[in-house]
Amino acid sequence: MTTNTQETNGVSFKHIDKAVKTLDVDAMEQENALLPDNLSGRVQKLVKVYSSIRPLLTVVSTLPIIPAAWRAALTIFSQAVEAVVSAPEIAGDADFKAGKDL
C-alpha cells in the first residue's frame, strides 16, 4: 500500500504532488497564447513543464510494473530533456532567446 509519506527513489509523494501542482493549467494556457511560436517559446514551455513533472518521471522510470525497456527509454528521455533544460544558455541566462544568434 502506498502512503503519502512513502518515498520512491528518494522522491516522496508530497514532493511529487507539490511539483505537479506548480503547473497551473489555466495559467499555462494563457502563457501559451503570449509565448512566441518559435524555438525560444517552445524551450521556455519545455523548461517549465519538465521542471514540474521531473519528480514524477523519476519515480515512474523506476516502477517494476513497467517493462524494463520502457523504463530505460523513459530514463534516456528524461536525461535528454534534462540536458536541454539545464544547459548554461538556458539555466544561467534569464534573457536567453533560443536561436537569437542565427
N, C-alpha and C. Protein backbone atom coordinates (compact mmCIF):
# COMPACT_ATOMS: atom_id res chain seq x y z
N MET A 1 0.84 -1.18 0.00
CA MET A 1 0.00 0.00 0.00
C MET A 1 0.88 1.24 0.00
N THR A 2 0.52 2.21 -0.79
CA THR A 2 1.27 3.45 -0.88
C THR A 2 0.65 4.49 0.04
N THR A 3 1.52 5.20 0.73
CA THR A 3 1.04 6.27 1.60
C THR A 3 1.67 7.59 1.16
N ASN A 4 1.17 8.66 1.74
CA ASN A 4 1.69 9.97 1.38
C ASN A 4 3.12 10.18 1.84
N THR A 5 3.60 9.39 2.77
CA THR A 5 4.96 9.56 3.27
C THR A 5 5.94 8.59 2.64
N GLN A 6 5.46 7.66 1.85
CA GLN A 6 6.34 6.69 1.22
C GLN A 6 7.23 7.38 0.20
N GLU A 7 8.48 6.96 0.15
CA GLU A 7 9.41 7.54 -0.81
C GLU A 7 9.84 6.48 -1.81
N THR A 8 9.96 6.89 -3.06
CA THR A 8 10.44 6.02 -4.11
C THR A 8 11.61 6.72 -4.76
N ASN A 9 12.74 6.05 -4.77
CA ASN A 9 13.95 6.61 -5.37
C ASN A 9 14.29 7.98 -4.78
N GLY A 10 14.05 8.14 -3.48
CA GLY A 10 14.37 9.39 -2.81
C GLY A 10 13.38 10.52 -3.02
N VAL A 11 12.29 10.25 -3.73
CA VAL A 11 11.30 11.29 -4.01
C VAL A 11 9.99 10.89 -3.32
N SER A 12 9.48 11.77 -2.47
CA SER A 12 8.26 11.46 -1.74
C SER A 12 7.01 11.85 -2.52
N PHE A 13 5.90 11.28 -2.12
CA PHE A 13 4.61 11.63 -2.72
C PHE A 13 4.37 13.13 -2.58
N LYS A 14 4.67 13.67 -1.41
CA LYS A 14 4.44 15.10 -1.19
C LYS A 14 5.27 15.95 -2.14
N HIS A 15 6.51 15.53 -2.37
CA HIS A 15 7.39 16.27 -3.29
C HIS A 15 6.84 16.24 -4.71
N ILE A 16 6.42 15.05 -5.15
CA ILE A 16 5.85 14.92 -6.50
C ILE A 16 4.58 15.75 -6.62
N ASP A 17 3.70 15.61 -5.63
CA ASP A 17 2.43 16.33 -5.67
C ASP A 17 2.64 17.83 -5.69
N LYS A 18 3.56 18.32 -4.88
CA LYS A 18 3.84 19.75 -4.84
C LYS A 18 4.39 20.24 -6.19
N ALA A 19 5.30 19.47 -6.78
CA ALA A 19 5.88 19.85 -8.06
C ALA A 19 4.84 19.86 -9.17
N VAL A 20 4.00 18.83 -9.22
CA VAL A 20 2.98 18.76 -10.27
C VAL A 20 1.97 19.91 -10.12
N LYS A 21 1.65 20.24 -8.88
CA LYS A 21 0.68 21.31 -8.65
C LYS A 21 1.20 22.70 -9.02
N THR A 22 2.51 22.81 -9.28
CA THR A 22 3.03 24.10 -9.74
C THR A 22 2.61 24.39 -11.17
N LEU A 23 2.14 23.36 -11.86
CA LEU A 23 1.64 23.56 -13.22
C LEU A 23 0.18 24.01 -13.14
N ASP A 24 -0.05 25.27 -13.26
CA ASP A 24 -1.39 25.82 -13.27
C ASP A 24 -1.88 25.77 -14.72
N VAL A 25 -2.77 24.83 -15.01
CA VAL A 25 -3.20 24.59 -16.39
C VAL A 25 -3.82 25.84 -17.01
N ASP A 26 -4.66 26.54 -16.25
CA ASP A 26 -5.28 27.76 -16.79
C ASP A 26 -4.23 28.83 -17.10
N ALA A 27 -3.29 29.00 -16.18
CA ALA A 27 -2.23 29.99 -16.41
C ALA A 27 -1.35 29.57 -17.58
N MET A 28 -1.09 28.26 -17.71
CA MET A 28 -0.27 27.79 -18.82
C MET A 28 -0.94 28.07 -20.16
N GLU A 29 -2.25 27.90 -20.22
CA GLU A 29 -2.96 28.19 -21.47
C GLU A 29 -2.84 29.67 -21.83
N GLN A 30 -2.93 30.53 -20.83
CA GLN A 30 -2.79 31.97 -21.09
C GLN A 30 -1.36 32.29 -21.51
N GLU A 31 -0.38 31.68 -20.83
CA GLU A 31 1.02 31.90 -21.18
C GLU A 31 1.32 31.40 -22.58
N ASN A 32 0.71 30.28 -22.97
CA ASN A 32 0.93 29.74 -24.31
C ASN A 32 0.51 30.75 -25.38
N ALA A 33 -0.55 31.47 -25.10
CA ALA A 33 -1.01 32.47 -26.06
C ALA A 33 -0.02 33.63 -26.16
N LEU A 34 0.71 33.89 -25.08
CA LEU A 34 1.64 35.01 -25.05
C LEU A 34 3.04 34.64 -25.53
N LEU A 35 3.40 33.36 -25.41
CA LEU A 35 4.73 32.93 -25.83
C LEU A 35 4.83 32.98 -27.35
N PRO A 36 5.98 33.37 -27.85
CA PRO A 36 6.15 33.37 -29.30
C PRO A 36 6.13 31.94 -29.84
N ASP A 37 5.60 31.78 -31.03
CA ASP A 37 5.55 30.45 -31.66
C ASP A 37 6.85 30.22 -32.41
N ASN A 38 7.92 30.12 -31.64
CA ASN A 38 9.24 29.85 -32.20
C ASN A 38 10.01 28.97 -31.23
N LEU A 39 11.25 28.69 -31.53
CA LEU A 39 12.04 27.80 -30.69
C LEU A 39 12.18 28.34 -29.27
N SER A 40 12.37 29.62 -29.12
CA SER A 40 12.52 30.21 -27.80
C SER A 40 11.28 29.98 -26.94
N GLY A 41 10.11 30.21 -27.49
CA GLY A 41 8.87 30.00 -26.76
C GLY A 41 8.66 28.54 -26.41
N ARG A 42 9.02 27.66 -27.33
CA ARG A 42 8.86 26.23 -27.07
C ARG A 42 9.81 25.75 -25.98
N VAL A 43 11.04 26.26 -25.98
CA VAL A 43 12.01 25.88 -24.96
C VAL A 43 11.55 26.40 -23.60
N GLN A 44 11.03 27.61 -23.54
CA GLN A 44 10.53 28.16 -22.29
C GLN A 44 9.42 27.27 -21.72
N LYS A 45 8.53 26.82 -22.58
CA LYS A 45 7.45 25.94 -22.14
C LYS A 45 8.01 24.60 -21.67
N LEU A 46 8.95 24.05 -22.41
CA LEU A 46 9.57 22.78 -22.05
C LEU A 46 10.22 22.86 -20.67
N VAL A 47 10.95 23.92 -20.42
CA VAL A 47 11.62 24.10 -19.13
C VAL A 47 10.60 24.12 -18.01
N LYS A 48 9.53 24.86 -18.18
CA LYS A 48 8.52 24.99 -17.13
C LYS A 48 7.81 23.65 -16.87
N VAL A 49 7.37 23.00 -17.93
CA VAL A 49 6.64 21.74 -17.77
C VAL A 49 7.56 20.65 -17.23
N TYR A 50 8.74 20.51 -17.79
CA TYR A 50 9.64 19.45 -17.34
C TYR A 50 10.04 19.65 -15.88
N SER A 51 10.28 20.87 -15.49
CA SER A 51 10.65 21.13 -14.09
C SER A 51 9.56 20.67 -13.14
N SER A 52 8.32 20.77 -13.56
CA SER A 52 7.21 20.37 -12.71
C SER A 52 6.98 18.86 -12.68
N ILE A 53 7.27 18.19 -13.77
CA ILE A 53 6.99 16.75 -13.80
C ILE A 53 8.23 15.89 -13.62
N ARG A 54 9.39 16.49 -13.48
CA ARG A 54 10.64 15.73 -13.31
C ARG A 54 10.55 14.71 -12.17
N PRO A 55 10.07 15.09 -10.97
CA PRO A 55 10.00 14.08 -9.90
C PRO A 55 9.08 12.91 -10.26
N LEU A 56 7.98 13.19 -10.93
CA LEU A 56 7.06 12.14 -11.34
C LEU A 56 7.73 11.20 -12.35
N LEU A 57 8.41 11.75 -13.32
CA LEU A 57 9.10 10.92 -14.32
C LEU A 57 10.18 10.06 -13.66
N THR A 58 10.86 10.62 -12.67
CA THR A 58 11.90 9.88 -11.96
C THR A 58 11.31 8.64 -11.30
N VAL A 59 10.19 8.80 -10.64
CA VAL A 59 9.57 7.67 -9.95
C VAL A 59 9.00 6.67 -10.94
N VAL A 60 8.30 7.15 -11.96
CA VAL A 60 7.70 6.25 -12.94
C VAL A 60 8.78 5.41 -13.63
N SER A 61 9.94 6.00 -13.86
CA SER A 61 11.01 5.27 -14.55
C SER A 61 11.64 4.19 -13.68
N THR A 62 11.23 4.09 -12.41
CA THR A 62 11.76 3.04 -11.54
C THR A 62 10.72 1.99 -11.16
N LEU A 63 9.48 2.15 -11.59
CA LEU A 63 8.42 1.21 -11.22
C LEU A 63 8.63 -0.15 -11.89
N PRO A 64 8.70 -1.21 -11.11
CA PRO A 64 8.94 -2.54 -11.68
C PRO A 64 7.77 -3.06 -12.52
N ILE A 65 6.59 -2.47 -12.37
CA ILE A 65 5.44 -2.92 -13.16
C ILE A 65 5.58 -2.52 -14.63
N ILE A 66 6.40 -1.52 -14.90
CA ILE A 66 6.64 -1.07 -16.27
C ILE A 66 7.79 -1.89 -16.83
N PRO A 67 7.66 -2.39 -18.06
CA PRO A 67 8.73 -3.20 -18.65
C PRO A 67 10.08 -2.47 -18.62
N ALA A 68 11.13 -3.23 -18.43
CA ALA A 68 12.48 -2.67 -18.31
C ALA A 68 12.86 -1.79 -19.50
N ALA A 69 12.51 -2.23 -20.70
CA ALA A 69 12.85 -1.44 -21.89
C ALA A 69 12.13 -0.09 -21.87
N TRP A 70 10.90 -0.06 -21.39
CA TRP A 70 10.14 1.19 -21.30
C TRP A 70 10.77 2.11 -20.26
N ARG A 71 11.16 1.52 -19.11
CA ARG A 71 11.80 2.32 -18.06
C ARG A 71 13.10 2.91 -18.57
N ALA A 72 13.87 2.11 -19.30
CA ALA A 72 15.13 2.60 -19.86
C ALA A 72 14.89 3.73 -20.85
N ALA A 73 13.88 3.57 -21.69
CA ALA A 73 13.55 4.62 -22.66
C ALA A 73 13.12 5.90 -21.95
N LEU A 74 12.34 5.78 -20.91
CA LEU A 74 11.89 6.94 -20.14
C LEU A 74 13.08 7.62 -19.46
N THR A 75 14.01 6.83 -18.96
CA THR A 75 15.21 7.39 -18.33
C THR A 75 16.06 8.15 -19.35
N ILE A 76 16.23 7.57 -20.53
CA ILE A 76 17.01 8.24 -21.58
C ILE A 76 16.32 9.53 -22.01
N PHE A 77 14.99 9.49 -22.14
CA PHE A 77 14.23 10.68 -22.49
C PHE A 77 14.43 11.77 -21.43
N SER A 78 14.30 11.39 -20.17
CA SER A 78 14.46 12.35 -19.08
C SER A 78 15.85 12.96 -19.08
N GLN A 79 16.86 12.14 -19.34
CA GLN A 79 18.23 12.64 -19.39
C GLN A 79 18.41 13.61 -20.55
N ALA A 80 17.80 13.32 -21.69
CA ALA A 80 17.92 14.21 -22.84
C ALA A 80 17.24 15.55 -22.57
N VAL A 81 16.06 15.51 -21.98
CA VAL A 81 15.36 16.76 -21.67
C VAL A 81 16.13 17.53 -20.60
N GLU A 82 16.65 16.82 -19.61
CA GLU A 82 17.43 17.46 -18.54
C GLU A 82 18.64 18.18 -19.14
N ALA A 83 19.28 17.57 -20.14
CA ALA A 83 20.44 18.19 -20.79
C ALA A 83 20.04 19.51 -21.45
N VAL A 84 18.85 19.56 -22.01
CA VAL A 84 18.37 20.78 -22.65
C VAL A 84 18.02 21.85 -21.62
N VAL A 85 17.20 21.48 -20.64
CA VAL A 85 16.72 22.48 -19.69
C VAL A 85 17.79 22.95 -18.72
N SER A 86 18.86 22.18 -18.54
CA SER A 86 19.92 22.61 -17.63
C SER A 86 21.12 23.19 -18.37
N ALA A 87 21.00 23.36 -19.67
CA ALA A 87 22.09 23.94 -20.46
C ALA A 87 22.41 25.34 -19.93
N PRO A 88 23.69 25.69 -19.89
CA PRO A 88 24.06 27.01 -19.36
C PRO A 88 23.37 28.16 -20.09
N GLU A 89 23.11 27.98 -21.36
CA GLU A 89 22.45 29.05 -22.12
C GLU A 89 21.04 29.29 -21.62
N ILE A 90 20.44 28.27 -21.02
CA ILE A 90 19.07 28.39 -20.54
C ILE A 90 19.06 28.61 -19.04
N ALA A 91 19.74 27.75 -18.31
CA ALA A 91 19.71 27.79 -16.85
C ALA A 91 20.38 29.03 -16.29
N GLY A 92 21.43 29.49 -16.91
CA GLY A 92 22.19 30.59 -16.35
C GLY A 92 21.86 31.95 -16.90
N ASP A 93 21.00 32.03 -17.89
CA ASP A 93 20.72 33.31 -18.53
C ASP A 93 19.22 33.52 -18.64
N ALA A 94 18.69 34.39 -17.80
CA ALA A 94 17.25 34.65 -17.82
C ALA A 94 16.81 35.32 -19.11
N ASP A 95 17.75 35.95 -19.78
CA ASP A 95 17.43 36.64 -21.05
C ASP A 95 17.68 35.77 -22.26
N PHE A 96 17.87 34.47 -22.04
CA PHE A 96 18.15 33.55 -23.14
C PHE A 96 17.03 33.56 -24.17
N LYS A 97 17.41 33.65 -25.40
CA LYS A 97 16.47 33.55 -26.51
C LYS A 97 17.06 32.53 -27.48
N ALA A 98 16.46 31.34 -27.54
CA ALA A 98 16.97 30.29 -28.40
C ALA A 98 16.99 30.77 -29.84
N GLY A 99 18.11 30.59 -30.49
CA GLY A 99 18.23 30.94 -31.89
C GLY A 99 18.44 32.40 -32.17
N LYS A 100 18.67 33.24 -31.15
CA LYS A 100 18.78 34.67 -31.39
C LYS A 100 20.03 35.01 -32.20
N ASP A 101 21.04 34.12 -32.16
CA ASP A 101 22.27 34.39 -32.88
C ASP A 101 22.26 33.83 -34.29
N LEU A 102 21.17 33.20 -34.69
CA LEU A 102 21.12 32.60 -36.03
C LEU A 102 20.83 33.64 -37.08
